[in-house]
Amino acid sequence: MIDSAGEPVLIDPAVAASHPETDLAMTRMFGGFPPEFTRAYEEIRPLPPGFPRRAELYNLYPLLVHVNLFGGSYAHSAAALLKTY
């Protein structure tokens, strides 16, 4: 899609009103984003203490969706995460 100036735009098909950490947690799944992404984000809004642990919990539901769809190693990852709680 393009805007009225002819510039490309993206419409997010999965818009959600949630805590910012929810989206940030997703950037850590499946290999994650480069470290520069997190550094740039934290220049604007520093992450509060404990985020890495909360990110695991935020990612549990998407991980369980993958278990349901694909099984296999996703089930092992989910089980390992659950054992930490």
PDB file of N, CA and C in Angstrom:
ATOM      1  N   MET A   1       0.835  -1.164   0.000  1.00  0.00           N
ATOM      2  CA  MET A   1       0.000   0.000   0.000  1.00  0.00           C
ATOM      3  C   MET A   1       0.887   1.236   0.000  1.00  0.00           C
ATOM      4  N   ILE A   2       0.336   2.324  -0.471  1.00  0.00           N
ATOM      5  CA  ILE A   2       1.064   3.591  -0.449  1.00  0.00           C
ATOM      6  C   ILE A   2       0.160   4.680   0.122  1.00  0.00           C
ATOM      7  N   ASP A   3       0.818   5.711   0.667  1.00  0.00           N
ATOM      8  CA  ASP A   3       0.044   6.840   1.195  1.00  0.00           C
ATOM      9  C   ASP A   3      -0.185   7.867   0.087  1.00  0.00           C
ATOM     10  N   SER A   4      -0.791   8.988   0.440  1.00  0.00           N
ATOM     11  CA  SER A   4      -1.130  10.002  -0.564  1.00  0.00           C
ATOM     12  C   SER A   4       0.100  10.627  -1.213  1.00  0.00           C
ATOM     13  N   ALA A   5       1.269  10.505  -0.568  1.00  0.00           N
ATOM     14  CA  ALA A   5       2.506  11.030  -1.139  1.00  0.00           C
ATOM     15  C   ALA A   5       3.248   9.973  -1.951  1.00  0.00           C
ATOM     16  N   GLY A   6       2.658   8.783  -2.070  1.00  0.00           N
ATOM     17  CA  GLY A   6       3.300   7.723  -2.829  1.00  0.00           C
ATOM     18  C   GLY A   6       4.320   6.929  -2.042  1.00  0.00           C
ATOM     19  N   GLU A   7       4.389   7.145  -0.736  1.00  0.00           N
ATOM     20  CA  GLU A   7       5.333   6.418   0.112  1.00  0.00           C
ATOM     21  C   GLU A   7       4.715   5.091   0.559  1.00  0.00           C
ATOM     22  N   PRO A   8       5.539   4.041   0.651  1.00  0.00           N
ATOM     23  CA  PRO A   8       4.995   2.757   1.107  1.00  0.00           C
ATOM     24  C   PRO A   8       4.581   2.825   2.581  1.00  0.00           C
ATOM     25  N   VAL A   9       3.505   2.142   2.898  1.00  0.00           N
ATOM     26  CA  VAL A   9       3.017   2.069   4.278  1.00  0.00           C
ATOM     27  C   VAL A   9       2.676   0.618   4.595  1.00  0.00           C
ATOM     28  N   LEU A  10       2.617   0.330   5.860  1.00  0.00           N
ATOM     29  CA  LEU A  10       2.278  -1.008   6.324  1.00  0.00           C
ATOM     30  C   LEU A  10       1.108  -0.898   7.283  1.00  0.00           C
ATOM     31  N   ILE A  11       0.126  -1.731   7.094  1.00  0.00           N
ATOM     32  CA  ILE A  11      -0.982  -1.823   8.034  1.00  0.00           C
ATOM     33  C   ILE A  11      -0.787  -3.116   8.807  1.00  0.00           C
ATOM     34  N   ASP A  12      -0.649  -3.006  10.108  1.00  0.00           N
ATOM     35  CA  ASP A  12      -0.443  -4.177  10.955  1.00  0.00           C
ATOM     36  C   ASP A  12      -1.753  -4.952  11.062  1.00  0.00           C
ATOM     37  N   PRO A  13      -1.792  -6.193  10.581  1.00  0.00           N
ATOM     38  CA  PRO A  13      -3.039  -6.956  10.638  1.00  0.00           C
ATOM     39  C   PRO A  13      -3.334  -7.521  12.024  1.00  0.00           C
ATOM     40  N   ALA A  14      -2.415  -7.353  12.953  1.00  0.00           N
ATOM     41  CA  ALA A  14      -2.599  -7.909  14.297  1.00  0.00           C
ATOM     42  C   ALA A  14      -2.459  -6.815  15.346  1.00  0.00           C
ATOM     43  N   VAL A  15      -3.174  -5.742  15.161  1.00  0.00           N
ATOM     44  CA  VAL A  15      -3.108  -4.625  16.095  1.00  0.00           C
ATOM     45  C   VAL A  15      -3.631  -5.072  17.455  1.00  0.00           C
ATOM     46  N   ALA A  16      -2.923  -4.669  18.501  1.00  0.00           N
ATOM     47  CA  ALA A  16      -3.345  -5.013  19.862  1.00  0.00           C
ATOM     48  C   ALA A  16      -2.999  -3.869  20.794  1.00  0.00           C
ATOM     49  N   ALA A  17      -3.836  -3.670  21.767  1.00  0.00           N
ATOM     50  CA  ALA A  17      -3.547  -2.692  22.817  1.00  0.00           C
ATOM     51  C   ALA A  17      -3.018  -3.481  24.003  1.00  0.00           C
ATOM     52  N   SER A  18      -1.708  -3.500  24.137  1.00  0.00           N
ATOM     53  CA  SER A  18      -1.100  -4.291  25.205  1.00  0.00           C
ATOM     54  C   SER A  18       0.121  -3.559  25.745  1.00  0.00           C
ATOM     55  N   HIS A  19       0.711  -4.136  26.748  1.00  0.00           N
ATOM     56  CA  HIS A  19       1.911  -3.568  27.344  1.00  0.00           C
ATOM     57  C   HIS A  19       3.038  -3.606  26.310  1.00  0.00           C
ATOM     58  N   PRO A  20       3.855  -2.542  26.225  1.00  0.00           N
ATOM     59  CA  PRO A  20       4.939  -2.526  25.227  1.00  0.00           C
ATOM     60  C   PRO A  20       5.881  -3.725  25.336  1.00  0.00           C
ATOM     61  N   GLU A  21       6.049  -4.246  26.538  1.00  0.00           N
ATOM     62  CA  GLU A  21       6.953  -5.385  26.704  1.00  0.00           C
ATOM     63  C   GLU A  21       6.462  -6.618  25.951  1.00  0.00           C
ATOM     64  N   THR A  22       5.165  -6.701  25.697  1.00  0.00           N
ATOM     65  CA  THR A  22       4.630  -7.850  24.963  1.00  0.00           C
ATOM     66  C   THR A  22       5.234  -7.907  23.564  1.00  0.00           C
ATOM     67  N   ASP A  23       5.227  -6.782  22.860  1.00  0.00           N
ATOM     68  CA  ASP A  23       5.825  -6.743  21.523  1.00  0.00           C
ATOM     69  C   ASP A  23       7.332  -6.915  21.587  1.00  0.00           C
ATOM     70  N   LEU A  24       7.961  -6.288  22.560  1.00  0.00           N
ATOM     71  CA  LEU A  24       9.413  -6.421  22.680  1.00  0.00           C
ATOM     72  C   LEU A  24       9.816  -7.863  22.947  1.00  0.00           C
ATOM     73  N   ALA A  25       9.020  -8.569  23.721  1.00  0.00           N
ATOM     74  CA  ALA A  25       9.322  -9.973  23.989  1.00  0.00           C
ATOM     75  C   ALA A  25       9.332 -10.778  22.693  1.00  0.00           C
ATOM     76  N   MET A  26       8.397 -10.463  21.803  1.00  0.00           N
ATOM     77  CA  MET A  26       8.334 -11.196  20.530  1.00  0.00           C
ATOM     78  C   MET A  26       9.602 -11.012  19.698  1.00  0.00           C
ATOM     79  N   THR A  27      10.304  -9.903  19.907  1.00  0.00           N
ATOM     80  CA  THR A  27      11.542  -9.690  19.146  1.00  0.00           C
ATOM     81  C   THR A  27      12.638 -10.647  19.585  1.00  0.00           C
ATOM     82  N   ARG A  28      12.424 -11.367  20.679  1.00  0.00           N
ATOM     83  CA  ARG A  28      13.415 -12.320  21.183  1.00  0.00           C
ATOM     84  C   ARG A  28      13.135 -13.749  20.740  1.00  0.00           C
ATOM     85  N   MET A  29      12.014 -13.962  20.079  1.00  0.00           N
ATOM     86  CA  MET A  29      11.670 -15.317  19.624  1.00  0.00           C
ATOM     87  C   MET A  29      12.352 -15.626  18.296  1.00  0.00           C
ATOM     88  N   PHE A  30      12.582 -16.894  18.060  1.00  0.00           N
ATOM     89  CA  PHE A  30      13.072 -17.389  16.773  1.00  0.00           C
ATOM     90  C   PHE A  30      14.361 -16.710  16.327  1.00  0.00           C
ATOM     91  N   GLY A  31      15.302 -16.610  17.211  1.00  0.00           N
ATOM     92  CA  GLY A  31      16.594 -16.034  16.861  1.00  0.00           C
ATOM     93  C   GLY A  31      16.728 -14.576  17.223  1.00  0.00           C
ATOM     94  N   GLY A  32      15.631 -13.898  17.378  1.00  0.00           N
ATOM     95  CA  GLY A  32      15.651 -12.526  17.865  1.00  0.00           C
ATOM     96  C   GLY A  32      16.095 -11.493  16.847  1.00  0.00           C
ATOM     97  N   PHE A  33      15.989 -10.255  17.264  1.00  0.00           N
ATOM     98  CA  PHE A  33      16.441  -9.108  16.483  1.00  0.00           C
ATOM     99  C   PHE A  33      17.900  -8.835  16.847  1.00  0.00           C
ATOM    100  N   PRO A  34      18.612  -8.094  16.021  1.00  0.00           N
ATOM    101  CA  PRO A  34      19.998  -7.764  16.358  1.00  0.00           C
ATOM    102  C   PRO A  34      20.060  -6.903  17.623  1.00  0.00           C
ATOM    103  N   PRO A  35      21.168  -6.967  18.363  1.00  0.00           N
ATOM    104  CA  PRO A  35      21.308  -6.190  19.603  1.00  0.00           C
ATOM    105  C   PRO A  35      21.114  -4.694  19.393  1.00  0.00           C
ATOM    106  N   GLU A  36      21.407  -4.210  18.194  1.00  0.00           N
ATOM    107  CA  GLU A  36      21.242  -2.783  17.908  1.00  0.00           C
ATOM    108  C   GLU A  36      19.784  -2.343  18.074  1.00  0.00           C
ATOM    109  N   PHE A  37      18.865  -3.243  17.811  1.00  0.00           N
ATOM    110  CA  PHE A  37      17.446  -2.915  17.961  1.00  0.00           C
ATOM    111  C   PHE A  37      17.131  -2.571  19.418  1.00  0.00           C
ATOM    112  N   THR A  38      17.553  -3.436  20.322  1.00  0.00           N
ATOM    113  CA  THR A  38      17.274  -3.209  21.746  1.00  0.00           C
ATOM    114  C   THR A  38      17.994  -1.967  22.242  1.00  0.00           C
ATOM    115  N   ARG A  39      19.235  -1.775  21.816  1.00  0.00           N
ATOM    116  CA  ARG A  39      19.971  -0.571  22.242  1.00  0.00           C
ATOM    117  C   ARG A  39      19.250   0.692  21.782  1.00  0.00           C
ATOM    118  N   ALA A  40      18.798   0.708  20.540  1.00  0.00           N
ATOM    119  CA  ALA A  40      18.088   1.882  20.017  1.00  0.00           C
ATOM    120  C   ALA A  40      16.779   2.098  20.771  1.00  0.00           C
ATOM    121  N   TYR A  41      16.082   1.017  21.070  1.00  0.00           N
ATOM    122  CA  TYR A  41      14.828   1.136  21.825  1.00  0.00           C
ATOM    123  C   TYR A  41      15.101   1.732  23.202  1.00  0.00           C
ATOM    124  N   GLU A  42      16.123   1.227  23.866  1.00  0.00           N
ATOM    125  CA  GLU A  42      16.408   1.681  25.231  1.00  0.00           C
ATOM    126  C   GLU A  42      16.927   3.115  25.281  1.00  0.00           C
ATOM    127  N   GLU A  43      17.419   3.646  24.174  1.00  0.00           N
ATOM    128  CA  GLU A  43      17.788   5.064  24.146  1.00  0.00           C
ATOM    129  C   GLU A  43      16.548   5.941  24.319  1.00  0.00           C
ATOM    130  N   ILE A  44      15.422   5.443  23.846  1.00  0.00           N
ATOM    131  CA  ILE A  44      14.168   6.194  23.934  1.00  0.00           C
ATOM    132  C   ILE A  44      13.389   5.837  25.195  1.00  0.00           C
ATOM    133  N   ARG A  45      13.342   4.545  25.492  1.00  0.00           N
ATOM    134  CA  ARG A  45      12.594   4.083  26.662  1.00  0.00           C
ATOM    135  C   ARG A  45      13.341   2.919  27.299  1.00  0.00           C
ATOM    136  N   PRO A  46      14.079   3.183  28.374  1.00  0.00           N
ATOM    137  CA  PRO A  46      14.821   2.105  29.030  1.00  0.00           C
ATOM    138  C   PRO A  46      13.887   0.992  29.521  1.00  0.00           C
ATOM    139  N   LEU A  47      14.367  -0.230  29.387  1.00  0.00           N
ATOM    140  CA  LEU A  47      13.592  -1.371  29.862  1.00  0.00           C
ATOM    141  C   LEU A  47      13.700  -1.470  31.380  1.00  0.00           C
ATOM    142  N   PRO A  48      12.586  -1.707  32.055  1.00  0.00           N
ATOM    143  CA  PRO A  48      12.640  -1.835  33.506  1.00  0.00           C
ATOM    144  C   PRO A  48      13.320  -3.139  33.922  1.00  0.00           C
ATOM    145  N   PRO A  49      13.841  -3.174  35.141  1.00  0.00           N
ATOM    146  CA  PRO A  49      14.487  -4.401  35.626  1.00  0.00           C
ATOM    147  C   PRO A  49      13.534  -5.597  35.530  1.00  0.00           C
ATOM    148  N   GLY A  50      14.097  -6.740  35.219  1.00  0.00           N
ATOM    149  CA  GLY A  50      13.312  -7.966  35.161  1.00  0.00           C
ATOM    150  C   GLY A  50      12.685  -8.265  33.811  1.00  0.00           C
ATOM    151  N   PHE A  51      12.924  -7.411  32.824  1.00  0.00           N
ATOM    152  CA  PHE A  51      12.297  -7.642  31.521  1.00  0.00           C
ATOM    153  C   PHE A  51      12.659  -8.998  30.917  1.00  0.00           C
ATOM    154  N   PRO A  52      13.922  -9.422  30.932  1.00  0.00           N
ATOM    155  CA  PRO A  52      14.230 -10.710  30.291  1.00  0.00           C
ATOM    156  C   PRO A  52      13.387 -11.868  30.839  1.00  0.00           C
ATOM    157  N   ARG A  53      13.164 -11.873  32.127  1.00  0.00           N
ATOM    158  CA  ARG A  53      12.351 -12.947  32.725  1.00  0.00           C
ATOM    159  C   ARG A  53      10.885 -12.811  32.300  1.00  0.00           C
ATOM    160  N   ARG A  54      10.378 -11.587  32.303  1.00  0.00           N
ATOM    161  CA  ARG A  54       8.993 -11.376  31.875  1.00  0.00           C
ATOM    162  C   ARG A  54       8.827 -11.696  30.392  1.00  0.00           C
ATOM    163  N   ALA A  55       9.856 -11.434  29.599  1.00  0.00           N
ATOM    164  CA  ALA A  55       9.780 -11.719  28.161  1.00  0.00           C
ATOM    165  C   ALA A  55       9.524 -13.202  27.923  1.00  0.00           C
ATOM    166  N   GLU A  56      10.148 -14.053  28.720  1.00  0.00           N
ATOM    167  CA  GLU A  56       9.913 -15.491  28.585  1.00  0.00           C
ATOM    168  C   GLU A  56       8.436 -15.812  28.795  1.00  0.00           C
ATOM    169  N   LEU A  57       7.857 -15.205  29.814  1.00  0.00           N
ATOM    170  CA  LEU A  57       6.452 -15.459  30.118  1.00  0.00           C
ATOM    171  C   LEU A  57       5.537 -14.891  29.029  1.00  0.00           C
ATOM    172  N   TYR A  58       5.847 -13.688  28.549  1.00  0.00           N
ATOM    173  CA  TYR A  58       5.058 -13.103  27.460  1.00  0.00           C
ATOM    174  C   TYR A  58       5.084 -13.995  26.220  1.00  0.00           C
ATOM    175  N   ASN A  59       6.191 -14.674  26.001  1.00  0.00           N
ATOM    176  CA  ASN A  59       6.334 -15.503  24.808  1.00  0.00           C
ATOM    177  C   ASN A  59       5.758 -16.906  24.976  1.00  0.00           C
ATOM    178  N   LEU A  60       5.295 -17.234  26.171  1.00  0.00           N
ATOM    179  CA  LEU A  60       4.763 -18.577  26.388  1.00  0.00           C
ATOM    180  C   LEU A  60       3.555 -18.862  25.492  1.00  0.00           C
ATOM    181  N   TYR A  61       2.617 -17.942  25.429  1.00  0.00           N
ATOM    182  CA  TYR A  61       1.423 -18.203  24.608  1.00  0.00           C
ATOM    183  C   TYR A  61       1.781 -18.396  23.126  1.00  0.00           C
ATOM    184  N   PRO A  62       2.557 -17.484  22.514  1.00  0.00           N
ATOM    185  CA  PRO A  62       2.924 -17.737  21.110  1.00  0.00           C
ATOM    186  C   PRO A  62       3.675 -19.058  20.937  1.00  0.00           C
ATOM    187  N   LEU A  63       4.482 -19.409  21.927  1.00  0.00           N
ATOM    188  CA  LEU A  63       5.201 -20.681  21.856  1.00  0.00           C
ATOM    189  C   LEU A  63       4.216 -21.849  21.893  1.00  0.00           C
ATOM    190  N   LEU A  64       3.201 -21.758  22.751  1.00  0.00           N
ATOM    191  CA  LEU A  64       2.196 -22.821  22.815  1.00  0.00           C
ATOM    192  C   LEU A  64       1.378 -22.905  21.524  1.00  0.00           C
ATOM    193  N   VAL A  65       1.158 -21.774  20.874  1.00  0.00           N
ATOM    194  CA  VAL A  65       0.492 -21.803  19.563  1.00  0.00           C
ATOM    195  C   VAL A  65       1.334 -22.615  18.586  1.00  0.00           C
ATOM    196  N   HIS A  66       2.648 -22.410  18.613  1.00  0.00           N
ATOM    197  CA  HIS A  66       3.529 -23.167  17.721  1.00  0.00           C
ATOM    198  C   HIS A  66       3.545 -24.646  18.094  1.00  0.00           C
ATOM    199  N   VAL A  67       3.460 -24.953  19.384  1.00  0.00           N
ATOM    200  CA  VAL A  67       3.356 -26.358  19.794  1.00  0.00           C
ATOM    201  C   VAL A  67       2.112 -26.966  19.155  1.00  0.00           C
ATOM    202  N   ASN A  68       1.005 -26.262  19.236  1.00  0.00           N
ATOM    203  CA  ASN A  68      -0.252 -26.761  18.676  1.00  0.00           C
ATOM    204  C   ASN A  68      -0.166 -26.944  17.162  1.00  0.00           C
ATOM    205  N   LEU A  69       0.478 -26.006  16.492  1.00  0.00           N
ATOM    206  CA  LEU A  69       0.546 -26.067  15.031  1.00  0.00           C
ATOM    207  C   LEU A  69       1.611 -27.023  14.510  1.00  0.00           C
ATOM    208  N   PHE A  70       2.778 -27.035  15.186  1.00  0.00           N
ATOM    209  CA  PHE A  70       3.929 -27.742  14.625  1.00  0.00           C
ATOM    210  C   PHE A  70       4.519 -28.824  15.526  1.00  0.00           C
ATOM    211  N   GLY A  71       4.184 -28.808  16.831  1.00  0.00           N
ATOM    212  CA  GLY A  71       4.703 -29.823  17.751  1.00  0.00           C
ATOM    213  C   GLY A  71       6.217 -29.803  17.848  1.00  0.00           C
ATOM    214  N   GLY A  72       6.797 -30.987  17.890  1.00  0.00           N
ATOM    215  CA  GLY A  72       8.244 -31.163  17.864  1.00  0.00           C
ATOM    216  C   GLY A  72       9.031 -30.355  18.864  1.00  0.00           C
ATOM    217  N   SER A  73      10.044 -29.673  18.359  1.00  0.00           N
ATOM    218  CA  SER A  73      10.963 -28.937  19.233  1.00  0.00           C
ATOM    219  C   SER A  73      10.263 -27.821  19.992  1.00  0.00           C
ATOM    220  N   TYR A  74       9.157 -27.324  19.448  1.00  0.00           N
ATOM    221  CA  TYR A  74       8.429 -26.280  20.168  1.00  0.00           C
ATOM    222  C   TYR A  74       7.879 -26.828  21.483  1.00  0.00           C
ATOM    223  N   ALA A  75       7.451 -28.080  21.478  1.00  0.00           N
ATOM    224  CA  ALA A  75       6.947 -28.700  22.707  1.00  0.00           C
ATOM    225  C   ALA A  75       8.066 -28.808  23.732  1.00  0.00           C
ATOM    226  N   HIS A  76       9.253 -29.159  23.287  1.00  0.00           N
ATOM    227  CA  HIS A  76      10.394 -29.249  24.204  1.00  0.00           C
ATOM    228  C   HIS A  76      10.737 -27.874  24.771  1.00  0.00           C
ATOM    229  N   SER A  77      10.701 -26.860  23.924  1.00  0.00           N
ATOM    230  CA  SER A  77      10.994 -25.497  24.387  1.00  0.00           C
ATOM    231  C   SER A  77       9.963 -25.032  25.408  1.00  0.00           C
ATOM    232  N   ALA A  78       8.698 -25.313  25.149  1.00  0.00           N
ATOM    233  CA  ALA A  78       7.638 -24.913  26.080  1.00  0.00           C
ATOM    234  C   ALA A  78       7.788 -25.645  27.407  1.00  0.00           C
ATOM    235  N   ALA A  79       8.072 -26.932  27.359  1.00  0.00           N
ATOM    236  CA  ALA A  79       8.249 -27.706  28.591  1.00  0.00           C
ATOM    237  C   ALA A  79       9.431 -27.184  29.392  1.00  0.00           C
ATOM    238  N   ALA A  80      10.525 -26.866  28.713  1.00  0.00           N
ATOM    239  CA  ALA A  80      11.703 -26.336  29.411  1.00  0.00           C
ATOM    240  C   ALA A  80      11.386 -24.998  30.069  1.00  0.00           C
ATOM    241  N   LEU A  81      10.654 -24.152  29.377  1.00  0.00           N
ATOM    242  CA  LEU A  81      10.278 -22.862  29.950  1.00  0.00           C
ATOM    243  C   LEU A  81       9.379 -23.051  31.163  1.00  0.00           C
ATOM    244  N   LEU A  82       8.394 -23.921  31.050  1.00  0.00           N
ATOM    245  CA  LEU A  82       7.471 -24.145  32.162  1.00  0.00           C
ATOM    246  C   LEU A  82       8.183 -24.689  33.397  1.00  0.00           C
ATOM    247  N   LYS A  83       9.235 -25.470  33.196  1.00  0.00           N
ATOM    248  CA  LYS A  83       9.987 -26.016  34.333  1.00  0.00           C
ATOM    249  C   LYS A  83      10.709 -24.935  35.119  1.00  0.00           C
ATOM    250  N   THR A  84      10.897 -23.764  34.523  1.00  0.00           N
ATOM    251  CA  THR A  84      11.606 -22.690  35.235  1.00  0.00           C
ATOM    252  C   THR A  84      10.690 -21.936  36.184  1.00  0.00           C
ATOM    253  N   TYR A  85       9.385 -22.229  36.144  1.00  0.00           N
ATOM    254  CA  TYR A  85       8.439 -21.533  37.020  1.00  0.00           C
ATOM    255  C   TYR A  85       7.958 -22.432  38.130  1.00  0.00           C
TER     256      TYR A  85
END
